[in-house]
Amino acid sequence: MIRVLVADDQELIRTALATTLSLEDDIEVVGQAGSCAAAVEVAGRTQPDVVLLDVQMPTGGLAGEDGIDAIVPLLAAAPGARVLVVTTFGRPGYLRRALESGAIGFMVKDAPVGRLLEGIRRAHQGLRQVDPELAAASLSLGASPLTEREAQVLAASVGGTSTAEIAAAVFLSEGTVRNYLSSAIGKLAARNRAEAIRTAVDNGWI
């Protein structure tokens, strides 16, 4: 049996997916989680073979911004698990980040059920499973031009947050925040902060 953990913050999707998987003779759903912290906790407790991990999940107190940031602590909690990222947001930057963090595969949620089942079985065998169109886009896009700090500051500025609020959130001075924002805007060839955020989000860099 392939022991699977389903981690997705949307309960309807999570339970429907778990029910679908449970119909397979060789798959057993051993746990569900609705946040990054819960995914790490359940993974440590159940030691699944494969984890289906959503990208846009609340952290639940775990360090990081999204589900991809949960991959490293998740694999530390369950060293034998294979992480298969399954998301609505098929962004090239997400794919690159997920694979660099240790995920074995990356699929979009609108893929046919048969492809998802194949992905789970391939992941269990240690074989990589990546959406082919997304893989091609990721290769052509390349790595994020932003440093870790630039990405952090730009992510903290989403929603029109003031420089003072960003500085408090990331523990930097306002002047340093302005420098990082200016650098990020320049690297992304954007006209302003809003455009830089849009470019970074669309490419999955923040």
N, C-alpha and C. Protein backbone atom coordinates (compact mmCIF):
# COMPACT_ATOMS: atom_id res chain seq x y z
N MET A 1 0.83 -1.20 0.00
CA MET A 1 0.00 0.00 0.00
C MET A 1 0.87 1.26 0.00
N ILE A 2 0.43 2.26 -0.75
CA ILE A 2 1.11 3.55 -0.77
C ILE A 2 0.40 4.45 0.24
N ARG A 3 1.11 4.83 1.28
CA ARG A 3 0.54 5.64 2.35
C ARG A 3 0.65 7.12 1.96
N VAL A 4 -0.50 7.80 1.87
CA VAL A 4 -0.53 9.17 1.34
C VAL A 4 -1.08 10.15 2.38
N LEU A 5 -0.43 11.30 2.46
CA LEU A 5 -0.91 12.44 3.25
C LEU A 5 -1.38 13.52 2.28
N VAL A 6 -2.59 14.02 2.47
CA VAL A 6 -3.15 15.07 1.62
C VAL A 6 -3.15 16.39 2.39
N ALA A 7 -2.40 17.38 1.90
CA ALA A 7 -2.30 18.68 2.57
C ALA A 7 -2.84 19.77 1.64
N ASP A 8 -3.98 20.32 2.00
CA ASP A 8 -4.62 21.38 1.21
C ASP A 8 -5.52 22.16 2.15
N ASP A 9 -5.50 23.49 2.07
CA ASP A 9 -6.28 24.28 3.01
C ASP A 9 -7.76 24.33 2.67
N GLN A 10 -8.15 23.95 1.46
CA GLN A 10 -9.56 23.95 1.08
C GLN A 10 -10.16 22.59 1.44
N GLU A 11 -10.98 22.57 2.47
CA GLU A 11 -11.48 21.31 3.01
C GLU A 11 -12.25 20.49 1.98
N LEU A 12 -13.06 21.15 1.16
CA LEU A 12 -13.85 20.43 0.17
C LEU A 12 -12.95 19.69 -0.81
N ILE A 13 -11.93 20.39 -1.30
CA ILE A 13 -10.99 19.77 -2.24
C ILE A 13 -10.20 18.67 -1.55
N ARG A 14 -9.76 18.94 -0.32
CA ARG A 14 -8.94 17.96 0.41
C ARG A 14 -9.70 16.66 0.67
N THR A 15 -10.93 16.79 1.13
CA THR A 15 -11.70 15.59 1.45
C THR A 15 -12.12 14.84 0.19
N ALA A 16 -12.45 15.59 -0.87
CA ALA A 16 -12.82 14.94 -2.13
C ALA A 16 -11.63 14.17 -2.71
N LEU A 17 -10.45 14.77 -2.62
CA LEU A 17 -9.25 14.12 -3.13
C LEU A 17 -8.93 12.87 -2.30
N ALA A 18 -9.05 13.00 -0.98
CA ALA A 18 -8.79 11.86 -0.11
C ALA A 18 -9.76 10.71 -0.39
N THR A 19 -11.02 11.05 -0.62
CA THR A 19 -12.02 10.03 -0.93
C THR A 19 -11.71 9.33 -2.24
N THR A 20 -11.33 10.12 -3.25
CA THR A 20 -10.99 9.55 -4.56
C THR A 20 -9.80 8.60 -4.46
N LEU A 21 -8.78 9.02 -3.73
CA LEU A 21 -7.58 8.20 -3.59
C LEU A 21 -7.88 6.91 -2.85
N SER A 22 -8.77 6.99 -1.86
CA SER A 22 -9.10 5.81 -1.05
C SER A 22 -9.79 4.72 -1.84
N LEU A 23 -10.31 5.06 -3.01
CA LEU A 23 -10.97 4.07 -3.86
C LEU A 23 -9.97 3.16 -4.57
N GLU A 24 -8.70 3.57 -4.58
CA GLU A 24 -7.67 2.78 -5.25
C GLU A 24 -7.19 1.65 -4.34
N ASP A 25 -7.00 0.47 -4.92
CA ASP A 25 -6.62 -0.71 -4.13
C ASP A 25 -5.23 -0.60 -3.50
N ASP A 26 -4.37 0.22 -4.12
CA ASP A 26 -2.98 0.27 -3.63
C ASP A 26 -2.64 1.57 -2.90
N ILE A 27 -3.67 2.39 -2.57
CA ILE A 27 -3.43 3.67 -1.90
C ILE A 27 -4.24 3.75 -0.61
N GLU A 28 -3.58 4.20 0.45
CA GLU A 28 -4.24 4.42 1.74
C GLU A 28 -3.95 5.84 2.19
N VAL A 29 -4.99 6.62 2.42
CA VAL A 29 -4.83 7.99 2.92
C VAL A 29 -4.67 7.91 4.44
N VAL A 30 -3.47 8.26 4.91
CA VAL A 30 -3.17 8.10 6.34
C VAL A 30 -3.33 9.41 7.12
N GLY A 31 -3.57 10.51 6.41
CA GLY A 31 -3.75 11.77 7.12
C GLY A 31 -4.11 12.91 6.19
N GLN A 32 -4.67 13.97 6.79
CA GLN A 32 -5.01 15.18 6.06
C GLN A 32 -4.53 16.38 6.87
N ALA A 33 -4.22 17.49 6.18
CA ALA A 33 -3.76 18.69 6.87
C ALA A 33 -4.23 19.92 6.10
N GLY A 34 -4.54 20.98 6.85
CA GLY A 34 -5.03 22.20 6.22
C GLY A 34 -4.09 23.38 6.33
N SER A 35 -2.90 23.17 6.89
CA SER A 35 -1.90 24.24 6.99
C SER A 35 -0.51 23.62 6.89
N CYS A 36 0.49 24.46 6.70
CA CYS A 36 1.86 23.97 6.60
C CYS A 36 2.31 23.30 7.89
N ALA A 37 2.03 23.96 9.02
CA ALA A 37 2.44 23.40 10.31
C ALA A 37 1.75 22.06 10.57
N ALA A 38 0.47 21.98 10.21
CA ALA A 38 -0.26 20.73 10.40
C ALA A 38 0.30 19.63 9.51
N ALA A 39 0.71 19.99 8.29
CA ALA A 39 1.28 19.00 7.37
C ALA A 39 2.55 18.40 7.95
N VAL A 40 3.40 19.24 8.52
CA VAL A 40 4.65 18.76 9.13
C VAL A 40 4.34 17.87 10.33
N GLU A 41 3.39 18.29 11.16
CA GLU A 41 3.04 17.51 12.35
C GLU A 41 2.46 16.15 11.98
N VAL A 42 1.52 16.14 11.02
CA VAL A 42 0.88 14.88 10.61
C VAL A 42 1.88 13.97 9.91
N ALA A 43 2.76 14.56 9.11
CA ALA A 43 3.79 13.77 8.42
C ALA A 43 4.70 13.09 9.44
N GLY A 44 5.08 13.82 10.47
CA GLY A 44 5.94 13.24 11.49
C GLY A 44 5.25 12.12 12.25
N ARG A 45 3.96 12.25 12.42
CA ARG A 45 3.20 11.25 13.17
C ARG A 45 2.86 10.01 12.35
N THR A 46 2.57 10.20 11.06
CA THR A 46 2.09 9.08 10.24
C THR A 46 3.16 8.49 9.33
N GLN A 47 4.26 9.24 9.08
CA GLN A 47 5.34 8.77 8.21
C GLN A 47 4.79 8.25 6.86
N PRO A 48 4.17 9.13 6.07
CA PRO A 48 3.59 8.71 4.78
C PRO A 48 4.67 8.41 3.75
N ASP A 49 4.29 7.67 2.72
CA ASP A 49 5.19 7.42 1.59
C ASP A 49 5.19 8.60 0.63
N VAL A 50 4.02 9.20 0.43
CA VAL A 50 3.86 10.31 -0.50
C VAL A 50 3.02 11.40 0.16
N VAL A 51 3.44 12.64 -0.01
CA VAL A 51 2.67 13.79 0.49
C VAL A 51 2.21 14.62 -0.70
N LEU A 52 0.90 14.82 -0.81
CA LEU A 52 0.35 15.74 -1.81
C LEU A 52 0.26 17.09 -1.13
N LEU A 53 1.02 18.05 -1.62
CA LEU A 53 1.16 19.33 -0.91
C LEU A 53 0.72 20.50 -1.79
N ASP A 54 -0.23 21.29 -1.27
CA ASP A 54 -0.69 22.48 -1.97
C ASP A 54 0.30 23.62 -1.74
N VAL A 55 0.35 24.57 -2.69
CA VAL A 55 1.26 25.72 -2.54
C VAL A 55 0.62 26.80 -1.68
N GLN A 56 -0.58 27.24 -2.05
CA GLN A 56 -1.21 28.36 -1.35
C GLN A 56 -1.94 27.88 -0.11
N MET A 57 -1.16 27.64 0.94
CA MET A 57 -1.71 27.21 2.23
C MET A 57 -1.25 28.16 3.33
N PRO A 58 -2.07 28.36 4.36
CA PRO A 58 -1.61 29.16 5.50
C PRO A 58 -0.48 28.43 6.21
N THR A 59 0.46 29.19 6.75
CA THR A 59 1.62 28.57 7.38
C THR A 59 1.27 27.90 8.70
N GLY A 60 0.25 28.42 9.38
CA GLY A 60 -0.12 27.83 10.66
C GLY A 60 0.94 28.04 11.73
N GLY A 61 1.77 29.07 11.53
CA GLY A 61 2.83 29.36 12.50
C GLY A 61 4.19 28.85 12.06
N LEU A 62 4.24 28.05 11.00
CA LEU A 62 5.52 27.56 10.49
C LEU A 62 6.24 28.68 9.76
N ALA A 63 7.55 28.75 9.87
CA ALA A 63 8.32 29.79 9.19
C ALA A 63 8.17 29.65 7.68
N GLY A 64 8.06 30.79 6.99
CA GLY A 64 7.93 30.76 5.54
C GLY A 64 6.69 31.48 5.07
N GLU A 65 6.47 31.43 3.76
CA GLU A 65 5.37 32.17 3.14
C GLU A 65 4.27 31.27 2.60
N ASP A 66 4.62 30.04 2.18
CA ASP A 66 3.63 29.19 1.53
C ASP A 66 3.98 27.71 1.70
N GLY A 67 3.23 26.85 0.99
CA GLY A 67 3.43 25.42 1.12
C GLY A 67 4.82 24.95 0.72
N ILE A 68 5.42 25.63 -0.24
CA ILE A 68 6.76 25.22 -0.68
C ILE A 68 7.77 25.35 0.45
N ASP A 69 7.59 26.35 1.31
CA ASP A 69 8.50 26.54 2.45
C ASP A 69 8.34 25.43 3.49
N ALA A 70 7.27 24.63 3.36
CA ALA A 70 7.05 23.53 4.31
C ALA A 70 7.78 22.26 3.89
N ILE A 71 8.31 22.22 2.66
CA ILE A 71 8.90 20.98 2.15
C ILE A 71 10.10 20.54 2.97
N VAL A 72 11.01 21.45 3.26
CA VAL A 72 12.23 21.07 4.00
C VAL A 72 11.89 20.53 5.39
N PRO A 73 11.10 21.27 6.22
CA PRO A 73 10.76 20.71 7.54
C PRO A 73 9.90 19.45 7.44
N LEU A 74 9.10 19.35 6.40
CA LEU A 74 8.27 18.16 6.22
C LEU A 74 9.14 16.92 5.98
N LEU A 75 10.14 17.08 5.12
CA LEU A 75 11.03 15.96 4.83
C LEU A 75 11.93 15.64 6.03
N ALA A 76 12.19 16.64 6.85
CA ALA A 76 12.95 16.38 8.08
C ALA A 76 12.11 15.55 9.05
N ALA A 77 10.80 15.82 9.07
CA ALA A 77 9.90 15.09 9.96
C ALA A 77 9.60 13.69 9.46
N ALA A 78 9.59 13.52 8.13
CA ALA A 78 9.30 12.22 7.52
C ALA A 78 10.32 11.97 6.41
N PRO A 79 11.53 11.55 6.77
CA PRO A 79 12.62 11.41 5.80
C PRO A 79 12.34 10.47 4.64
N GLY A 80 11.46 9.52 4.85
CA GLY A 80 11.18 8.56 3.78
C GLY A 80 10.08 9.00 2.83
N ALA A 81 9.49 10.18 3.06
CA ALA A 81 8.37 10.64 2.25
C ALA A 81 8.84 11.25 0.93
N ARG A 82 7.99 11.16 -0.07
CA ARG A 82 8.20 11.85 -1.35
C ARG A 82 7.13 12.93 -1.44
N VAL A 83 7.54 14.15 -1.74
CA VAL A 83 6.59 15.27 -1.80
C VAL A 83 6.21 15.55 -3.25
N LEU A 84 4.92 15.50 -3.51
CA LEU A 84 4.38 15.82 -4.82
C LEU A 84 3.52 17.07 -4.67
N VAL A 85 3.99 18.19 -5.21
CA VAL A 85 3.25 19.45 -5.11
C VAL A 85 2.12 19.44 -6.13
N VAL A 86 0.91 19.70 -5.65
CA VAL A 86 -0.27 19.74 -6.52
C VAL A 86 -0.96 21.08 -6.28
N THR A 87 -1.01 21.93 -7.30
CA THR A 87 -1.49 23.30 -7.07
C THR A 87 -2.33 23.83 -8.22
N THR A 88 -3.16 24.80 -7.91
CA THR A 88 -3.94 25.51 -8.92
C THR A 88 -3.03 26.45 -9.70
N PHE A 89 -1.97 26.92 -9.03
CA PHE A 89 -1.12 27.95 -9.60
C PHE A 89 0.10 27.34 -10.28
N GLY A 90 0.00 27.08 -11.57
CA GLY A 90 1.08 26.48 -12.33
C GLY A 90 2.09 27.52 -12.77
N ARG A 91 2.87 28.03 -11.82
CA ARG A 91 3.83 29.08 -12.13
C ARG A 91 5.24 28.50 -12.18
N PRO A 92 6.02 28.85 -13.21
CA PRO A 92 7.36 28.29 -13.37
C PRO A 92 8.25 28.47 -12.14
N GLY A 93 8.16 29.63 -11.52
CA GLY A 93 8.99 29.89 -10.33
C GLY A 93 8.65 28.95 -9.19
N TYR A 94 7.36 28.60 -9.05
CA TYR A 94 6.96 27.65 -8.01
C TYR A 94 7.60 26.29 -8.27
N LEU A 95 7.59 25.87 -9.53
CA LEU A 95 8.19 24.58 -9.88
C LEU A 95 9.65 24.54 -9.49
N ARG A 96 10.38 25.56 -9.87
CA ARG A 96 11.81 25.58 -9.56
C ARG A 96 12.05 25.56 -8.05
N ARG A 97 11.31 26.39 -7.32
CA ARG A 97 11.47 26.43 -5.86
C ARG A 97 11.14 25.09 -5.22
N ALA A 98 10.07 24.45 -5.71
CA ALA A 98 9.65 23.17 -5.13
C ALA A 98 10.70 22.10 -5.34
N LEU A 99 11.24 22.00 -6.54
CA LEU A 99 12.24 20.98 -6.83
C LEU A 99 13.53 21.25 -6.07
N GLU A 100 13.91 22.52 -5.98
CA GLU A 100 15.13 22.87 -5.23
C GLU A 100 14.98 22.58 -3.74
N SER A 101 13.72 22.61 -3.25
CA SER A 101 13.47 22.34 -1.83
C SER A 101 13.38 20.85 -1.52
N GLY A 102 13.33 20.02 -2.57
CA GLY A 102 13.32 18.58 -2.34
C GLY A 102 12.08 17.85 -2.81
N ALA A 103 11.13 18.55 -3.44
CA ALA A 103 9.95 17.87 -3.97
C ALA A 103 10.35 16.95 -5.13
N ILE A 104 9.64 15.85 -5.27
CA ILE A 104 9.95 14.93 -6.36
C ILE A 104 9.09 15.20 -7.59
N GLY A 105 8.02 15.99 -7.40
CA GLY A 105 7.16 16.27 -8.54
C GLY A 105 6.31 17.51 -8.34
N PHE A 106 5.70 17.96 -9.43
CA PHE A 106 4.89 19.18 -9.41
C PHE A 106 3.81 19.02 -10.46
N MET A 107 2.55 19.09 -10.02
CA MET A 107 1.43 18.93 -10.93
C MET A 107 0.38 20.00 -10.67
N VAL A 108 -0.40 20.33 -11.70
CA VAL A 108 -1.48 21.30 -11.53
C VAL A 108 -2.78 20.54 -11.26
N LYS A 109 -3.69 21.20 -10.53
CA LYS A 109 -4.89 20.53 -10.07
C LYS A 109 -5.87 20.18 -11.18
N ASP A 110 -5.75 20.86 -12.33
CA ASP A 110 -6.70 20.54 -13.40
C ASP A 110 -6.24 19.36 -14.26
N ALA A 111 -5.17 18.68 -13.82
CA ALA A 111 -4.73 17.48 -14.53
C ALA A 111 -5.76 16.37 -14.33
N PRO A 112 -5.91 15.45 -15.28
CA PRO A 112 -6.85 14.34 -15.12
C PRO A 112 -6.49 13.50 -13.89
N VAL A 113 -7.50 12.87 -13.29
CA VAL A 113 -7.28 12.06 -12.09
C VAL A 113 -6.27 10.94 -12.38
N GLY A 114 -6.37 10.36 -13.56
CA GLY A 114 -5.46 9.29 -13.92
C GLY A 114 -4.01 9.73 -13.89
N ARG A 115 -3.75 10.98 -14.30
CA ARG A 115 -2.38 11.49 -14.29
C ARG A 115 -1.90 11.70 -12.85
N LEU A 116 -2.81 12.16 -11.98
CA LEU A 116 -2.44 12.33 -10.58
C LEU A 116 -2.11 10.99 -9.94
N LEU A 117 -2.92 9.97 -10.22
CA LEU A 117 -2.66 8.64 -9.68
C LEU A 117 -1.32 8.10 -10.18
N GLU A 118 -1.05 8.36 -11.44
CA GLU A 118 0.23 7.94 -12.01
C GLU A 118 1.37 8.67 -11.31
N GLY A 119 1.15 9.97 -11.04
CA GLY A 119 2.17 10.76 -10.36
C GLY A 119 2.46 10.23 -8.97
N ILE A 120 1.42 9.84 -8.24
CA ILE A 120 1.60 9.29 -6.89
C ILE A 120 2.40 7.99 -6.95
N ARG A 121 2.04 7.14 -7.89
CA ARG A 121 2.75 5.86 -8.00
C ARG A 121 4.19 6.03 -8.45
N ARG A 122 4.43 6.97 -9.35
CA ARG A 122 5.79 7.25 -9.79
C ARG A 122 6.61 7.85 -8.64
N ALA A 123 5.99 8.77 -7.89
CA ALA A 123 6.68 9.38 -6.76
C ALA A 123 7.07 8.31 -5.74
N HIS A 124 6.16 7.38 -5.49
CA HIS A 124 6.44 6.30 -4.54
C HIS A 124 7.62 5.46 -4.99
N GLN A 125 7.81 5.35 -6.29
CA GLN A 125 8.93 4.58 -6.84
C GLN A 125 10.21 5.41 -6.91
N GLY A 126 10.11 6.70 -6.52
CA GLY A 126 11.28 7.56 -6.58
C GLY A 126 11.49 8.21 -7.93
N LEU A 127 10.46 8.20 -8.76
CA LEU A 127 10.56 8.77 -10.11
C LEU A 127 9.94 10.16 -10.12
N ARG A 128 10.58 11.08 -10.83
CA ARG A 128 10.09 12.46 -10.89
C ARG A 128 8.85 12.56 -11.77
N GLN A 129 7.90 13.41 -11.35
CA GLN A 129 6.68 13.64 -12.12
C GLN A 129 6.45 15.14 -12.19
N VAL A 130 6.63 15.73 -13.37
CA VAL A 130 6.49 17.17 -13.53
C VAL A 130 5.62 17.47 -14.73
N ASP A 131 4.70 18.42 -14.57
CA ASP A 131 3.86 18.86 -15.68
C ASP A 131 4.76 19.31 -16.83
N PRO A 132 4.66 18.71 -18.02
CA PRO A 132 5.60 18.99 -19.10
C PRO A 132 5.60 20.44 -19.59
N GLU A 133 4.42 21.06 -19.69
CA GLU A 133 4.36 22.45 -20.14
C GLU A 133 5.01 23.38 -19.13
N LEU A 134 4.80 23.10 -17.86
CA LEU A 134 5.37 23.92 -16.81
C LEU A 134 6.89 23.75 -16.77
N ALA A 135 7.36 22.54 -17.00
CA ALA A 135 8.79 22.28 -17.03
C ALA A 135 9.46 23.08 -18.14
N ALA A 136 8.83 23.11 -19.31
CA ALA A 136 9.39 23.86 -20.43
C ALA A 136 9.42 25.35 -20.13
N ALA A 137 8.34 25.84 -19.51
CA ALA A 137 8.27 27.27 -19.16
C ALA A 137 9.32 27.63 -18.12
N SER A 138 9.55 26.73 -17.18
CA SER A 138 10.53 26.99 -16.14
C SER A 138 11.94 27.06 -16.71
N LEU A 139 12.24 26.18 -17.64
CA LEU A 139 13.56 26.18 -18.26
C LEU A 139 13.81 27.47 -19.04
N SER A 140 12.78 27.94 -19.73
CA SER A 140 12.94 29.16 -20.53
C SER A 140 12.99 30.40 -19.66
N LEU A 141 12.31 30.35 -18.51
CA LEU A 141 12.26 31.50 -17.62
C LEU A 141 13.56 31.69 -16.84
N GLY A 142 14.15 30.59 -16.40
CA GLY A 142 15.36 30.67 -15.60
C GLY A 142 15.06 30.92 -14.13
N ALA A 143 16.10 31.06 -13.35
CA ALA A 143 15.95 31.26 -11.91
C ALA A 143 15.52 32.69 -11.60
N SER A 144 14.98 32.89 -10.42
CA SER A 144 14.57 34.22 -9.99
C SER A 144 15.79 35.14 -9.90
N PRO A 145 15.66 36.36 -10.41
CA PRO A 145 16.78 37.31 -10.32
C PRO A 145 16.89 37.96 -8.95
N LEU A 146 15.89 37.72 -8.10
CA LEU A 146 15.85 38.36 -6.79
C LEU A 146 16.67 37.59 -5.76
N THR A 147 17.33 38.31 -4.88
CA THR A 147 17.99 37.67 -3.75
C THR A 147 16.90 37.26 -2.75
N GLU A 148 17.27 36.47 -1.77
CA GLU A 148 16.31 36.03 -0.76
C GLU A 148 15.71 37.23 -0.01
N ARG A 149 16.55 38.20 0.32
CA ARG A 149 16.08 39.38 1.05
C ARG A 149 15.18 40.25 0.18
N GLU A 150 15.53 40.43 -1.10
CA GLU A 150 14.70 41.22 -2.00
C GLU A 150 13.33 40.59 -2.15
N ALA A 151 13.30 39.28 -2.29
CA ALA A 151 12.02 38.57 -2.43
C ALA A 151 11.20 38.70 -1.15
N GLN A 152 11.87 38.61 0.00
CA GLN A 152 11.18 38.72 1.28
C GLN A 152 10.55 40.10 1.45
N VAL A 153 11.31 41.13 1.13
CA VAL A 153 10.81 42.50 1.27
C VAL A 153 9.69 42.77 0.28
N LEU A 154 9.84 42.29 -0.94
CA LEU A 154 8.79 42.50 -1.95
C LEU A 154 7.51 41.77 -1.55
N ALA A 155 7.65 40.56 -1.03
CA ALA A 155 6.47 39.81 -0.58
C ALA A 155 5.78 40.52 0.57
N ALA A 156 6.57 41.12 1.46
CA ALA A 156 6.00 41.82 2.61
C ALA A 156 5.28 43.10 2.21
N SER A 157 5.54 43.59 1.00
CA SER A 157 4.93 44.84 0.55
C SER A 157 3.62 44.62 -0.21
N VAL A 158 3.22 43.38 -0.37
CA VAL A 158 1.96 43.09 -1.06
C VAL A 158 0.80 43.72 -0.30
N GLY A 159 -0.10 44.34 -1.04
CA GLY A 159 -1.26 44.97 -0.42
C GLY A 159 -1.06 46.43 -0.09
N GLY A 160 0.04 47.02 -0.60
CA GLY A 160 0.26 48.43 -0.38
C GLY A 160 0.76 48.78 1.00
N THR A 161 1.42 47.82 1.66
CA THR A 161 1.95 48.05 3.00
C THR A 161 2.98 49.18 2.98
N SER A 162 2.98 49.99 4.02
CA SER A 162 3.92 51.11 4.08
C SER A 162 5.34 50.62 4.34
N THR A 163 6.31 51.47 4.05
CA THR A 163 7.71 51.12 4.27
C THR A 163 7.97 50.82 5.75
N ALA A 164 7.36 51.60 6.62
CA ALA A 164 7.54 51.38 8.06
C ALA A 164 6.99 50.02 8.48
N GLU A 165 5.84 49.65 7.95
CA GLU A 165 5.24 48.36 8.29
C GLU A 165 6.08 47.20 7.75
N ILE A 166 6.61 47.37 6.53
CA ILE A 166 7.48 46.33 5.96
C ILE A 166 8.73 46.18 6.82
N ALA A 167 9.33 47.31 7.20
CA ALA A 167 10.54 47.28 8.02
C ALA A 167 10.32 46.54 9.33
N ALA A 168 9.16 46.79 9.94
CA ALA A 168 8.85 46.11 11.20
C ALA A 168 8.65 44.61 10.99
N ALA A 169 8.05 44.25 9.86
CA ALA A 169 7.75 42.85 9.59
C ALA A 169 9.00 42.02 9.30
N VAL A 170 9.98 42.64 8.65
CA VAL A 170 11.18 41.88 8.25
C VAL A 170 12.41 42.26 9.07
N PHE A 171 12.21 43.11 10.10
CA PHE A 171 13.28 43.47 11.04
C PHE A 171 14.46 44.15 10.34
N LEU A 172 14.13 45.14 9.51
CA LEU A 172 15.15 45.93 8.83
C LEU A 172 14.81 47.41 9.01
N SER A 173 15.77 48.29 8.74
CA SER A 173 15.50 49.72 8.80
C SER A 173 14.70 50.13 7.57
N GLU A 174 14.01 51.26 7.67
CA GLU A 174 13.22 51.73 6.53
C GLU A 174 14.11 52.02 5.33
N GLY A 175 15.29 52.56 5.57
CA GLY A 175 16.21 52.85 4.47
C GLY A 175 16.64 51.59 3.75
N THR A 176 16.93 50.54 4.51
CA THR A 176 17.33 49.26 3.90
C THR A 176 16.18 48.67 3.10
N VAL A 177 14.97 48.79 3.62
CA VAL A 177 13.79 48.29 2.91
C VAL A 177 13.64 49.01 1.57
N ARG A 178 13.80 50.33 1.59
CA ARG A 178 13.68 51.11 0.36
C ARG A 178 14.76 50.67 -0.66
N ASN A 179 15.94 50.38 -0.16
CA ASN A 179 17.02 49.93 -1.05
C ASN A 179 16.69 48.58 -1.69
N TYR A 180 16.18 47.67 -0.88
CA TYR A 180 15.81 46.35 -1.41
C TYR A 180 14.67 46.45 -2.43
N LEU A 181 13.69 47.30 -2.12
CA LEU A 181 12.57 47.47 -3.05
C LEU A 181 13.05 48.08 -4.36
N SER A 182 13.91 49.08 -4.27
CA SER A 182 14.44 49.71 -5.48
C SER A 182 15.23 48.72 -6.32
N SER A 183 16.02 47.88 -5.65
CA SER A 183 16.81 46.87 -6.35
C SER A 183 15.90 45.85 -7.04
N ALA A 184 14.86 45.41 -6.33
CA ALA A 184 13.93 44.42 -6.89
C ALA A 184 13.19 44.99 -8.10
N ILE A 185 12.75 46.24 -7.98
CA ILE A 185 12.04 46.89 -9.09
C ILE A 185 12.95 46.97 -10.31
N GLY A 186 14.21 47.31 -10.09
CA GLY A 186 15.15 47.41 -11.20
C GLY A 186 15.42 46.06 -11.85
N LYS A 187 15.63 45.03 -11.04
CA LYS A 187 15.92 43.71 -11.58
C LYS A 187 14.76 43.14 -12.38
N LEU A 188 13.54 43.50 -11.99
CA LEU A 188 12.36 42.99 -12.69
C LEU A 188 11.91 43.92 -13.81
N ALA A 189 12.70 44.94 -14.08
CA ALA A 189 12.40 45.90 -15.15
C ALA A 189 10.99 46.45 -15.01
N ALA A 190 10.61 46.72 -13.76
CA ALA A 190 9.27 47.23 -13.47
C ALA A 190 9.29 48.75 -13.31
N ARG A 191 8.12 49.36 -13.52
CA ARG A 191 8.02 50.81 -13.39
C ARG A 191 7.79 51.25 -11.95
N ASN A 192 7.25 50.33 -11.14
CA ASN A 192 6.95 50.68 -9.76
C ASN A 192 6.83 49.40 -8.93
N ARG A 193 6.55 49.58 -7.65
CA ARG A 193 6.46 48.44 -6.76
C ARG A 193 5.34 47.48 -7.15
N ALA A 194 4.18 48.03 -7.49
CA ALA A 194 3.02 47.19 -7.85
C ALA A 194 3.33 46.30 -9.05
N GLU A 195 4.00 46.88 -10.04
CA GLU A 195 4.34 46.11 -11.23
C GLU A 195 5.38 45.04 -10.91
N ALA A 196 6.32 45.36 -10.02
CA ALA A 196 7.33 44.39 -9.61
C ALA A 196 6.67 43.22 -8.88
N ILE A 197 5.72 43.54 -8.01
CA ILE A 197 5.00 42.49 -7.28
C ILE A 197 4.25 41.59 -8.25
N ARG A 198 3.56 42.20 -9.21
CA ARG A 198 2.79 41.42 -10.18
C ARG A 198 3.69 40.48 -10.98
N THR A 199 4.84 40.97 -11.42
CA THR A 199 5.78 40.14 -12.17
C THR A 199 6.30 38.99 -11.32
N ALA A 200 6.67 39.30 -10.09
CA ALA A 200 7.21 38.27 -9.20
C ALA A 200 6.17 37.21 -8.86
N VAL A 201 4.94 37.63 -8.62
CA VAL A 201 3.86 36.69 -8.29
C VAL A 201 3.52 35.82 -9.50
N ASP A 202 3.39 36.44 -10.67
CA ASP A 202 3.05 35.69 -11.87
C ASP A 202 4.08 34.61 -12.20
N ASN A 203 5.34 34.88 -11.86
CA ASN A 203 6.40 33.91 -12.14
C ASN A 203 6.67 32.97 -10.98
N GLY A 204 5.94 33.18 -9.86
CA GLY A 204 6.13 32.29 -8.72
C GLY A 204 7.40 32.56 -7.94
N TRP A 205 7.93 33.78 -8.04
CA TRP A 205 9.17 34.12 -7.33
C TRP A 205 8.89 34.60 -5.91
N ILE A 206 7.67 35.01 -5.62
CA ILE A 206 7.27 35.34 -4.24
C ILE A 206 5.89 34.73 -4.02
